[in-house]
Protein backbone atom coordinates (compact mmCIF):
# COMPACT_ATOMS: atom_id res chain seq x y z
CA UNK A 1 8.50 -109.62 15.42
CA UNK A 2 5.21 -109.38 17.32
CA UNK A 3 6.26 -106.02 18.71
CA UNK A 4 7.16 -104.76 15.24
CA UNK A 5 3.82 -105.95 13.81
CA UNK A 6 1.93 -104.20 16.61
CA UNK A 7 3.79 -100.96 15.88
CA UNK A 8 2.91 -101.20 12.19
CA UNK A 9 -0.76 -101.78 13.01
CA UNK A 10 -0.82 -98.80 15.34
CA UNK A 11 0.81 -96.64 12.68
CA UNK A 12 -1.83 -97.71 10.15
CA UNK A 13 -4.61 -96.82 12.54
CA UNK A 14 -3.16 -93.35 13.00
CA UNK A 15 -2.80 -92.77 9.25
CA UNK A 16 -5.41 -90.43 7.83
CA UNK A 17 -6.11 -88.89 4.50
CA UNK A 18 -5.12 -85.28 3.77
CA UNK A 19 -8.77 -84.24 4.13
CA UNK A 20 -9.08 -85.86 7.55
CA UNK A 21 -5.75 -84.34 8.64
CA UNK A 22 -7.08 -80.89 7.75
CA UNK A 23 -10.34 -81.62 9.50
CA UNK A 24 -8.48 -82.58 12.65
CA UNK A 25 -6.41 -79.40 12.43
CA UNK A 26 -9.59 -77.35 12.17
CA UNK A 27 -11.12 -79.33 15.02
CA UNK A 28 -8.28 -78.12 17.17
CA UNK A 29 -9.92 -74.70 17.25
CA UNK A 30 -12.43 -76.27 19.58
CA UNK A 31 -15.40 -78.56 19.71
CA UNK A 32 -17.72 -75.55 20.01
CA UNK A 33 -17.13 -74.76 16.36
CA UNK A 34 -18.11 -78.31 15.42
CA UNK A 35 -21.24 -78.12 17.54
CA UNK A 36 -22.18 -74.86 15.85
CA UNK A 37 -21.61 -76.44 12.45
CA UNK A 38 -23.78 -79.43 13.21
CA UNK A 39 -26.48 -77.23 14.70
CA UNK A 40 -26.44 -75.14 11.53
CA UNK A 41 -26.69 -78.18 9.32
CA UNK A 42 -29.57 -79.77 11.12
CA UNK A 43 -32.02 -77.16 12.17
CA UNK A 44 -30.09 -74.91 14.55
CA UNK A 45 -30.63 -71.73 12.51
CA UNK A 46 -34.08 -72.38 11.12
CA UNK A 47 -36.17 -72.14 14.24
CA UNK A 48 -36.49 -75.91 14.25
CA UNK A 49 -34.84 -78.53 16.44
CA UNK A 50 -31.22 -78.29 17.50
CA UNK A 51 -29.31 -81.22 16.07
CA UNK A 52 -26.35 -82.74 17.86
CA UNK A 53 -24.42 -85.91 17.25
CA UNK A 54 -26.09 -88.72 15.36
CA UNK A 55 -29.66 -87.60 16.04
CA UNK A 56 -32.60 -88.57 13.87
CA UNK A 57 -32.29 -85.20 12.12
CA UNK A 58 -28.61 -85.78 11.47
CA UNK A 59 -29.28 -89.14 9.88
CA UNK A 60 -32.07 -87.62 7.80
CA UNK A 61 -31.03 -84.00 7.06
CA UNK A 62 -34.03 -83.44 4.75
CA UNK A 63 -36.61 -84.48 7.33
CA UNK A 64 -39.53 -82.00 7.61
CA UNK A 65 -38.85 -78.98 9.81
CA UNK A 66 -40.92 -76.12 11.15
CA UNK A 67 -40.29 -72.58 9.82
CA UNK A 68 -40.03 -69.53 12.04
CA UNK A 69 -43.76 -68.88 11.80
CA UNK A 70 -46.69 -70.49 9.95
CA UNK A 71 -46.19 -69.86 6.25
CA UNK A 72 -48.95 -69.91 3.65
CA UNK A 73 -46.70 -71.66 1.11
CA UNK A 74 -45.49 -75.22 1.62
CA UNK A 75 -43.73 -75.60 -1.70
CA UNK A 76 -42.37 -73.54 -4.59
CA UNK A 77 -42.44 -73.92 -8.36
CA UNK A 78 -39.98 -71.48 -9.95
CA UNK A 79 -40.28 -70.96 -13.72
CA UNK A 80 -37.07 -69.29 -14.93
CA UNK A 81 -36.92 -68.11 -18.54
CA UNK A 82 -33.17 -68.33 -19.17
CA UNK A 83 -32.00 -65.53 -21.45
CA UNK A 84 -34.36 -62.88 -20.07
CA UNK A 85 -37.69 -62.36 -21.89
CA UNK A 86 -38.65 -58.84 -22.88
CA UNK A 87 -41.10 -57.33 -20.42
CA UNK A 88 -42.02 -54.75 -23.08
CA UNK A 89 -43.56 -57.43 -25.27
CA UNK A 90 -45.36 -59.28 -22.46
CA UNK A 91 -46.55 -57.31 -19.44
CA UNK A 92 -45.16 -53.75 -19.30
CA UNK A 93 -47.32 -51.84 -21.80
CA UNK A 94 -45.80 -48.56 -23.03
CA UNK A 95 -47.88 -46.74 -25.67
CA UNK A 96 -45.39 -43.83 -25.63
CA UNK A 97 -42.69 -46.22 -26.78
CA UNK A 98 -44.83 -47.05 -29.80
CA UNK A 99 -44.85 -43.34 -30.75
CA UNK A 100 -41.07 -43.19 -30.52
CA UNK A 101 -40.48 -46.22 -32.76
CA UNK A 102 -37.46 -45.78 -35.07
CA UNK A 103 -36.49 -42.39 -33.60
CA UNK A 104 -32.91 -41.97 -32.37
CA UNK A 105 -32.45 -42.73 -28.69
CA UNK A 106 -31.90 -39.59 -26.56
CA UNK A 107 -28.30 -39.34 -25.33
CA UNK A 108 -29.61 -38.84 -21.79
CA UNK A 109 -30.60 -42.55 -21.72
CA UNK A 110 -27.13 -43.65 -22.76
CA UNK A 111 -24.81 -41.50 -20.65
CA UNK A 112 -23.23 -43.36 -17.76
CA UNK A 113 -24.96 -46.63 -18.69
CA UNK A 114 -23.39 -49.97 -19.56
CA UNK A 115 -24.90 -52.19 -22.20
CA UNK A 116 -23.89 -55.65 -23.29
CA UNK A 117 -23.96 -54.97 -27.04
CA UNK A 118 -25.40 -51.53 -27.88
CA UNK A 119 -22.80 -49.25 -29.46
CA UNK A 120 -23.21 -45.76 -30.86
CA UNK A 121 -26.68 -44.20 -30.91
CA UNK A 122 -29.42 -46.81 -31.31
CA UNK A 123 -33.01 -46.26 -32.40
CA UNK A 124 -36.04 -46.72 -30.17
CA UNK A 125 -38.04 -49.88 -30.71
CA UNK A 126 -41.80 -49.84 -30.25
CA UNK A 127 -43.63 -52.82 -28.70
CA UNK A 128 -43.63 -55.84 -31.03
CA UNK A 129 -47.01 -56.92 -29.65
CA UNK A 130 -50.43 -55.50 -28.89
CA UNK A 131 -51.88 -55.19 -25.39
CA UNK A 132 -55.23 -55.31 -23.64
CA UNK A 133 -56.37 -55.27 -20.01
CA UNK A 134 -57.86 -58.45 -18.56
CA UNK A 135 -59.77 -59.52 -15.47
CA UNK A 136 -61.06 -57.45 -12.63
CA UNK A 137 -57.49 -56.44 -11.85
CA UNK A 138 -57.11 -54.84 -15.29
CA UNK A 139 -53.71 -56.47 -15.82
CA UNK A 140 -51.99 -55.57 -19.10
CA UNK A 141 -51.14 -58.73 -21.04
CA UNK A 142 -49.95 -58.91 -24.65
CA UNK A 143 -51.48 -60.87 -27.49
CA UNK A 144 -48.47 -63.21 -27.37
CA UNK A 145 -49.94 -64.90 -24.26
CA UNK A 146 -53.63 -65.49 -25.11
CA UNK A 147 -54.03 -68.43 -22.70
CA UNK A 148 -52.46 -66.56 -19.80
CA UNK A 149 -55.20 -63.92 -19.97
CA UNK A 150 -57.51 -66.52 -18.32
CA UNK A 151 -55.53 -66.34 -15.07
CA UNK A 152 -54.95 -62.58 -14.99
CA UNK A 153 -56.67 -62.29 -11.61
CA UNK A 154 -54.70 -65.14 -10.04
CA UNK A 155 -51.30 -63.52 -10.41
CA UNK A 156 -49.53 -60.43 -9.07
CA UNK A 157 -46.89 -58.53 -11.01
CA UNK A 158 -43.65 -56.93 -9.88
CA UNK A 159 -43.09 -54.36 -12.63
CA UNK A 160 -39.91 -52.62 -11.42
CA UNK A 161 -37.48 -55.38 -10.48
CA UNK A 162 -33.82 -54.45 -10.87
CA UNK A 163 -30.47 -56.24 -10.63
CA UNK A 164 -26.86 -55.10 -10.71
CA UNK A 165 -25.80 -57.62 -13.38
CA UNK A 166 -26.22 -57.32 -17.15
CA UNK A 167 -24.55 -60.50 -18.39
CA UNK A 168 -26.47 -63.78 -18.35
CA UNK A 169 -24.26 -66.00 -16.17
CA UNK A 170 -23.68 -63.58 -13.27
CA UNK A 171 -27.29 -62.35 -13.46
CA UNK A 172 -28.65 -65.89 -13.27
CA UNK A 173 -26.40 -66.63 -10.32
CA UNK A 174 -27.58 -63.45 -8.62
CA UNK A 175 -31.23 -64.26 -9.31
CA UNK A 176 -30.95 -67.76 -7.85
CA UNK A 177 -28.26 -67.48 -5.17
CA UNK A 178 -28.36 -63.81 -4.14
CA UNK A 179 -24.80 -63.30 -5.32
CA UNK A 180 -23.16 -62.96 -8.74
CA UNK A 181 -20.18 -65.13 -7.76
CA UNK A 182 -19.88 -68.88 -7.59
CA UNK A 183 -20.10 -70.67 -4.25
CA UNK A 184 -23.38 -69.49 -2.74
CA UNK A 185 -26.36 -71.83 -2.17
CA UNK A 186 -29.32 -71.55 -4.52
CA UNK A 187 -32.70 -70.49 -3.22
CA UNK A 188 -33.99 -74.05 -3.66
CA UNK A 189 -31.17 -75.28 -1.43
CA UNK A 190 -31.97 -72.66 1.21
CA UNK A 191 -35.63 -73.64 1.21
CA UNK A 192 -34.86 -77.36 1.48
CA UNK A 193 -32.30 -76.67 4.22
CA UNK A 194 -34.92 -74.71 6.15
CA UNK A 195 -38.00 -76.87 5.62
CA UNK A 196 -36.75 -80.33 4.62
CA UNK A 197 -39.14 -82.33 2.47
CA UNK A 198 -42.43 -84.07 3.11
CA UNK A 199 -41.63 -87.16 1.05
CA UNK A 200 -38.62 -89.15 2.22
CA UNK A 201 -38.63 -91.14 -1.03
CA UNK A 202 -38.05 -88.09 -3.25
CA UNK A 203 -35.49 -85.29 -3.30
CA UNK A 204 -36.56 -82.09 -1.63
CA UNK A 205 -35.29 -80.01 -4.57
CA UNK A 206 -35.88 -81.11 -8.17
CA UNK A 207 -34.68 -79.39 -11.36
CA UNK A 208 -36.22 -79.75 -14.82
CA UNK A 209 -34.79 -78.14 -17.97
CA UNK A 210 -36.15 -77.45 -21.46
CA UNK A 211 -35.02 -75.57 -24.52
CA UNK A 212 -32.11 -77.84 -25.32
CA UNK A 213 -29.52 -76.23 -23.03
CA UNK A 214 -28.82 -75.55 -19.38
CA UNK A 215 -28.64 -71.89 -18.19
CA UNK A 216 -25.51 -69.87 -18.95
CA UNK A 217 -24.47 -70.06 -15.29
CA UNK A 218 -24.54 -73.85 -15.49
CA UNK A 219 -25.62 -76.19 -12.73
CA UNK A 220 -24.38 -73.78 -10.08
CA UNK A 221 -27.79 -72.11 -10.20
CA UNK A 222 -29.21 -75.14 -8.41
CA UNK A 223 -26.10 -76.01 -6.41
CA UNK A 224 -25.90 -76.08 -2.61
CA UNK A 225 -22.79 -73.88 -2.36
CA UNK A 226 -21.43 -74.09 1.20
CA UNK A 227 -24.52 -75.89 2.48
CA UNK A 228 -24.22 -79.68 2.78
CA UNK A 229 -24.57 -81.21 -0.70
CA UNK A 230 -27.74 -83.09 0.29
CA UNK A 231 -29.55 -79.77 -0.29
CA UNK A 232 -28.50 -79.28 -3.92
CA UNK A 233 -31.02 -79.70 -6.70
CA UNK A 234 -31.44 -83.08 -8.37
CA UNK A 235 -31.79 -82.73 -12.11
CA UNK A 236 -34.42 -84.99 -13.65
CA UNK A 237 -35.33 -85.57 -17.29
CA UNK A 238 -38.79 -85.64 -18.78
CA UNK A 239 -37.96 -88.47 -21.17
CA UNK A 240 -35.95 -91.66 -20.87
CA UNK A 241 -34.66 -92.54 -17.39
CA UNK A 242 -35.70 -89.55 -15.25
CA UNK A 243 -32.37 -89.73 -13.41
CA UNK A 244 -29.20 -91.16 -14.97
CA UNK A 245 -28.26 -94.62 -13.68
CA UNK A 246 -31.50 -94.94 -11.72
CA UNK A 247 -32.04 -98.42 -13.15
CA UNK A 248 -30.16 -101.34 -11.58
CA UNK A 249 -27.33 -102.73 -13.72
CA UNK A 250 -27.59 -106.25 -15.09
CA UNK A 251 -27.14 -108.84 -12.35
CA UNK A 252 -28.10 -106.51 -9.52
CA UNK A 253 -31.43 -106.85 -7.74
CA UNK A 254 -33.05 -104.87 -4.92
CA UNK A 255 -31.93 -107.24 -2.15
CA UNK A 256 -28.31 -107.07 -3.27
CA UNK A 257 -28.52 -103.24 -3.49
CA UNK A 258 -30.02 -103.07 0.04
CA UNK A 259 -27.20 -105.17 1.49
CA UNK A 260 -24.57 -103.09 -0.32
CA UNK A 261 -26.04 -99.81 0.97
CA UNK A 262 -26.27 -101.21 4.51
CA UNK A 263 -22.61 -102.18 4.37
CA UNK A 264 -21.56 -98.79 2.99
CA UNK A 265 -23.70 -97.05 5.63
CA UNK A 266 -22.00 -98.99 8.44
CA UNK A 267 -18.57 -97.93 7.16
CA UNK A 268 -19.68 -94.32 6.82
CA UNK A 269 -21.12 -94.25 10.36
CA UNK A 270 -17.81 -95.53 11.74
CA UNK A 271 -15.98 -92.85 9.75
CA UNK A 272 -18.32 -90.17 11.11
CA UNK A 273 -17.79 -91.39 14.65
CA UNK A 274 -14.05 -90.86 14.13
CA UNK A 275 -13.93 -87.62 12.17
CA UNK A 276 -17.28 -85.88 12.84
CA UNK A 277 -17.40 -84.58 9.25
CA UNK A 278 -21.04 -83.49 8.47
CA UNK A 279 -20.53 -84.32 4.82
CA UNK A 280 -20.32 -88.01 5.80
CA UNK A 281 -23.90 -87.77 7.09
CA UNK A 282 -24.87 -86.24 3.75
CA UNK A 283 -23.26 -89.21 2.01
CA UNK A 284 -25.27 -91.65 4.14
CA UNK A 285 -28.51 -89.78 3.42
CA UNK A 286 -27.80 -89.65 -0.32
CA UNK A 287 -27.20 -93.41 -0.56
CA UNK A 288 -30.49 -94.01 1.20
CA UNK A 289 -32.27 -91.44 -0.98
CA UNK A 290 -30.89 -92.98 -4.16
CA UNK A 291 -32.18 -96.39 -3.09
CA UNK A 292 -35.69 -95.03 -2.43
CA UNK A 293 -35.68 -92.95 -5.61
CA UNK A 294 -35.33 -96.06 -7.75
CA UNK A 295 -38.91 -96.95 -6.88
CA UNK A 296 -40.53 -93.53 -6.33
CA UNK A 297 -39.01 -91.40 -9.11
CA UNK A 298 -39.99 -93.46 -12.20
CA UNK A 299 -43.61 -93.49 -10.96
CA UNK A 300 -43.94 -89.78 -10.22
CA UNK A 301 -42.05 -88.79 -13.38
CA UNK A 302 -44.38 -90.82 -15.60
CA UNK A 303 -47.02 -88.63 -17.28
CA UNK A 304 -48.39 -91.38 -19.53
CA UNK A 305 -51.09 -92.28 -17.03
CA UNK A 306 -52.46 -88.75 -16.77
CA UNK A 307 -56.02 -88.44 -18.18
CA UNK A 308 -56.48 -87.05 -21.69
CA UNK A 309 -58.05 -83.82 -20.50
CA UNK A 310 -54.84 -83.03 -18.54
CA UNK A 311 -52.71 -83.60 -21.62
CA UNK A 312 -55.06 -81.34 -23.53
CA UNK A 313 -54.91 -78.68 -20.83
CA UNK A 314 -51.11 -78.55 -20.74
CA UNK A 315 -50.39 -79.45 -24.36
CA UNK A 316 -48.08 -82.23 -23.24
CA UNK A 317 -46.51 -84.90 -25.46
CA UNK A 318 -45.25 -87.87 -23.42
CA UNK A 319 -41.77 -89.00 -24.40
CA UNK A 320 -40.50 -85.57 -25.35
CA UNK A 321 -38.52 -83.02 -23.37
CA UNK A 322 -40.59 -79.86 -23.30
CA UNK A 323 -41.64 -76.99 -21.07
CA UNK A 324 -45.20 -78.33 -21.18
CA UNK A 325 -44.14 -81.75 -19.91
CA UNK A 326 -42.07 -80.12 -17.18
CA UNK A 327 -45.00 -78.00 -15.98
CA UNK A 328 -47.10 -81.12 -15.57
CA UNK A 329 -44.23 -82.88 -13.80
CA UNK A 330 -43.89 -79.90 -11.46
CA UNK A 331 -47.50 -80.30 -10.41
CA UNK A 332 -47.01 -84.03 -9.84
CA UNK A 333 -43.88 -83.42 -7.77
CA UNK A 334 -45.36 -80.84 -5.41
CA UNK A 335 -48.41 -83.06 -5.12
CA UNK A 336 -46.05 -85.78 -3.83
CA UNK A 337 -44.42 -83.49 -1.27
CA UNK A 338 -41.37 -82.20 -3.12
CA UNK A 339 -40.46 -78.86 -1.56
CA UNK A 340 -38.90 -76.90 -4.41
CA UNK A 341 -39.26 -77.52 -8.16
CA UNK A 342 -37.11 -75.42 -10.48
CA UNK A 343 -37.96 -75.20 -14.21
CA UNK A 344 -35.35 -73.67 -16.51
CA UNK A 345 -36.45 -72.91 -20.07
CA UNK A 346 -33.57 -71.84 -22.33
CA UNK A 347 -33.81 -69.66 -25.44
CA UNK A 348 -35.05 -66.21 -24.40
CA UNK A 349 -32.06 -64.10 -25.41
CA UNK A 350 -33.84 -61.86 -27.90
CA UNK A 351 -31.13 -59.77 -29.56
CA UNK A 352 -32.51 -60.09 -33.07
CA UNK A 353 -29.26 -61.46 -34.48
CA UNK A 354 -31.24 -64.13 -36.30
CA UNK A 355 -34.77 -65.43 -36.79
CA UNK A 356 -34.53 -67.63 -33.69
CA UNK A 357 -33.68 -64.62 -31.47
CA UNK A 358 -35.94 -62.03 -33.11
CA UNK A 359 -38.78 -60.46 -31.17
CA UNK A 360 -41.01 -60.77 -34.23
CA UNK A 361 -40.14 -64.43 -34.88
CA UNK A 362 -38.21 -66.61 -32.37
CA UNK A 363 -39.61 -64.76 -29.35
CA UNK A 364 -43.15 -65.40 -30.51
CA UNK A 365 -42.41 -69.10 -30.81
CA UNK A 366 -41.05 -69.19 -27.24
CA UNK A 367 -44.20 -67.48 -26.01
CA UNK A 368 -46.33 -70.12 -27.72
CA UNK A 369 -44.29 -72.82 -25.97
CA UNK A 370 -44.90 -71.48 -22.46
CA UNK A 371 -48.31 -69.78 -22.70
CA UNK A 372 -50.54 -72.81 -22.51
CA UNK A 373 -48.61 -74.93 -20.03
CA UNK A 374 -47.88 -72.19 -17.46
CA UNK A 375 -51.56 -71.21 -17.56
CA UNK A 376 -52.53 -74.85 -17.18
CA UNK A 377 -50.18 -75.22 -14.22
CA UNK A 378 -52.03 -72.49 -12.30
CA UNK A 379 -55.45 -73.83 -13.26
CA UNK A 380 -54.50 -77.42 -12.39
CA UNK A 381 -53.03 -76.47 -9.04
CA UNK A 382 -56.16 -74.47 -8.25
CA UNK A 383 -58.58 -77.23 -9.15
CA UNK A 384 -56.67 -79.65 -6.92
CA UNK A 385 -56.63 -77.25 -3.96
CA UNK A 386 -52.84 -76.92 -4.19
CA UNK A 387 -52.44 -73.33 -5.41
CA UNK A 388 -53.05 -71.79 -1.98
CA UNK A 389 -50.08 -73.68 -0.57
CA UNK A 390 -47.84 -73.62 -3.67
CA UNK A 391 -45.93 -70.48 -4.53
CA UNK A 392 -45.41 -70.14 -8.30
CA UNK A 393 -42.80 -67.63 -9.50
CA UNK A 394 -42.04 -66.65 -13.13
CA UNK A 395 -39.28 -64.44 -14.51
CA UNK A 396 -35.85 -64.02 -16.12
CA UNK A 397 -32.52 -62.72 -14.91
CA UNK A 398 -32.94 -59.11 -16.14
CA UNK A 399 -35.01 -57.09 -18.55
CA UNK A 400 -34.73 -55.66 -22.07
CA UNK A 401 -33.97 -52.14 -23.30
CA UNK A 402 -36.62 -49.89 -24.93
CA UNK A 403 -34.07 -49.15 -27.65
CA UNK A 404 -33.07 -51.72 -30.26
CA UNK A 405 -29.64 -52.93 -31.14
CA UNK A 406 -28.10 -51.21 -34.18
CA UNK A 407 -30.46 -51.93 -37.08
CA UNK A 408 -27.99 -50.33 -39.52
CA UNK A 409 -25.96 -53.51 -39.25
CA UNK A 410 -27.00 -55.64 -42.25
CA UNK A 411 -26.11 -58.76 -40.33
CA UNK A 412 -28.92 -57.98 -37.86
CA UNK A 413 -32.12 -57.54 -39.91
CA UNK A 414 -34.50 -58.57 -37.15
CA UNK A 415 -36.03 -56.73 -34.20
CA UNK A 416 -34.20 -57.28 -30.92
CA UNK A 417 -33.42 -55.66 -27.56
CA UNK A 418 -30.28 -55.57 -25.48
CA UNK A 419 -29.85 -56.64 -21.84
CA UNK A 420 -31.24 -54.19 -19.30
CA UNK A 421 -30.75 -54.60 -15.51
CA UNK A 422 -32.73 -51.55 -14.35
CA UNK A 423 -36.33 -52.69 -14.90
CA UNK A 424 -37.98 -56.02 -15.57
CA UNK A 425 -41.11 -57.93 -14.66
CA UNK A 426 -41.66 -60.98 -12.44
CA UNK A 427 -45.02 -62.48 -11.53
CA UNK A 428 -46.05 -64.60 -8.54
CA UNK A 429 -49.16 -66.59 -7.77
CA UNK A 430 -50.52 -68.82 -5.02
CA UNK A 431 -48.84 -69.58 -1.71
CA UNK A 432 -50.21 -66.55 0.13
CA UNK A 433 -49.64 -64.01 -2.65
CA UNK A 434 -52.42 -61.42 -2.86
CA UNK A 435 -54.28 -61.82 -6.15
CA UNK A 436 -54.46 -59.21 -8.87
CA UNK A 437 -51.83 -56.82 -7.48
CA UNK A 438 -49.39 -54.85 -9.63
CA UNK A 439 -46.48 -53.53 -7.57
CA UNK A 440 -44.00 -51.08 -9.04
CA UNK A 441 -44.07 -48.92 -12.13
CA UNK A 442 -41.58 -47.92 -14.80
CA UNK A 443 -41.34 -44.66 -16.73
CA UNK A 444 -43.24 -44.03 -19.94
CA UNK A 445 -40.79 -46.01 -22.05
CA UNK A 446 -40.02 -48.80 -19.56
CA UNK A 447 -36.40 -47.73 -19.00
CA UNK A 448 -36.31 -46.90 -15.26
CA UNK A 449 -38.36 -47.57 -12.15
CA UNK A 450 -40.43 -44.61 -10.95
CA UNK A 451 -42.40 -46.39 -8.21
CA UNK A 452 -42.00 -49.55 -6.13
CA UNK A 453 -38.45 -50.32 -7.14
CA UNK A 454 -37.76 -53.96 -6.19
CA UNK A 455 -34.38 -55.65 -5.78
CA UNK A 456 -33.57 -59.32 -6.23
CA UNK A 457 -33.02 -59.51 -2.46
CA UNK A 458 -36.55 -58.14 -1.95
CA UNK A 459 -37.90 -60.92 -4.16
CA UNK A 460 -36.01 -63.54 -2.12
CA UNK A 461 -37.08 -62.03 1.20
CA UNK A 462 -40.72 -62.13 0.08
CA UNK A 463 -40.51 -65.74 -1.08
CA UNK A 464 -38.97 -66.83 2.23
CA UNK A 465 -41.60 -64.88 4.17
CA UNK A 466 -44.40 -66.69 2.30
CA UNK A 467 -42.77 -69.97 3.34
CA UNK A 468 -42.68 -68.89 6.99
CA UNK A 469 -39.13 -67.57 7.34
CA UNK A 470 -37.62 -64.35 8.60
CA UNK A 471 -35.00 -63.94 5.89
CA UNK A 472 -32.61 -62.34 8.36
CA UNK A 473 -32.70 -65.38 10.63
CA UNK A 474 -32.44 -68.22 8.10
CA UNK A 475 -28.66 -68.43 8.30
CA UNK A 476 -25.73 -70.83 8.02
CA UNK A 477 -22.36 -70.48 9.69
CA UNK A 478 -19.55 -70.45 7.11
CA UNK A 479 -16.01 -69.07 7.25
CA UNK A 480 -16.59 -67.57 10.64
CA UNK A 481 -19.82 -65.68 10.10
CA UNK A 482 -23.51 -66.36 9.48
CA UNK A 483 -24.56 -66.20 5.83
CA UNK A 484 -28.07 -65.79 4.46
CA UNK A 485 -29.72 -65.79 1.04
CA UNK A 486 -30.42 -62.07 1.14
CA UNK A 487 -26.86 -61.19 2.26
CA UNK A 488 -27.26 -57.90 4.22
CA UNK A 489 -30.20 -56.53 2.24
CA UNK A 490 -33.79 -57.33 1.35
CA UNK A 491 -37.25 -56.22 2.41
CA UNK A 492 -40.50 -58.19 2.31
CA UNK A 493 -42.87 -56.72 -0.28
CA UNK A 494 -45.86 -56.32 2.00
CA UNK A 495 -48.17 -55.26 -0.84
CA UNK A 496 -48.01 -58.86 -2.16
CA UNK A 497 -48.73 -60.63 1.15
């Protein structure tokens, strides 16, 4: 009987889950592959320290790391206008387009082109806003952004950005992951993977949403893809509990939670020692982070204690979910050492199919929602000495056509523009960006780039450069080859540096 019991115990010890069986099969390729994987996870490809085994870096995968070279930017605030705002009503002034208003679109603009909704021969649509030049840079800004004119000399514009996607979901994925297909890490994940975070009590990558919906591409636009999941964005809310389930349940206190996490950590460390799965280290780090967040997050996400002049500057209303509140939270987060803050504002799909999507109605309301707070964000960062080290990026996933969708359709009585991947505008400020620069130019109607054509990969390469990375060397081994955010493309836009 004793012999039989011993055999059963030995069999139980050898039993593994399907996942662990597959891991052991993969491990059979050789321990060099595992070493490479661990090195990639914990600094091996970022110019930082090589991580092996259960090092300090392995136990804290978001610990601060050095970039390839000293970067001007230490953190990023990315303001994404989900739905793609029209550059022709905001920053890309085209007086010739005004002259062509209501004329039939030339066939030469339509041949060989794909549009999301335009059918037949549409009419041209003149700018639904008026423009003036502001600041010493002479930047063209429309009357729909009166507050933003105050910071005209703080920002630089990319006027000829292009993408190869013209539907929202794939275009948003491409804009944030460098690829139109699911499974790639977001830029926030790449930055956190490369630099870690300066505050061990907060996530390195925080996401805030407004407008009532998440982007069309869903939460994949802040996912970690094939990077360890510790680098994915943590979505917070600007009202109620900032993170779901952050409060302790009834009957659970901090001491009990600490003991539970210590016990779980001990089990996970034993499991890692057996199977060497890097995701187990991520699990350990996330339990620890969750414990610390219960104290740190409610404090940093509370805007009630901000002085009245700050609320007046941003136009914030505590207790509500709004773009204004999120802009103020973004400042508080980078002030506390968060590395990447992503703001998604939904509702910019201006087809003109109804009042809420019309350029002459709904679009104007969206402009009013963002004008004051995004201006305040730049001013507030500057007065606190944070703008020089915080890169602020604003833009959508593609642009808008100079022609309108078919106005002969009685169901579409409002002014609207279709999706357009060939030319749109992004602006950047702070973090080493040269002030008052306009890079790129479109033709006289804003349809095609004629100078300084800029790809999404160029934008990403420039952002990484400002953070101190050679975008060709910030890589991660996956499926047998090194991957990077910019794939096999991308050039740093030197005019902005």
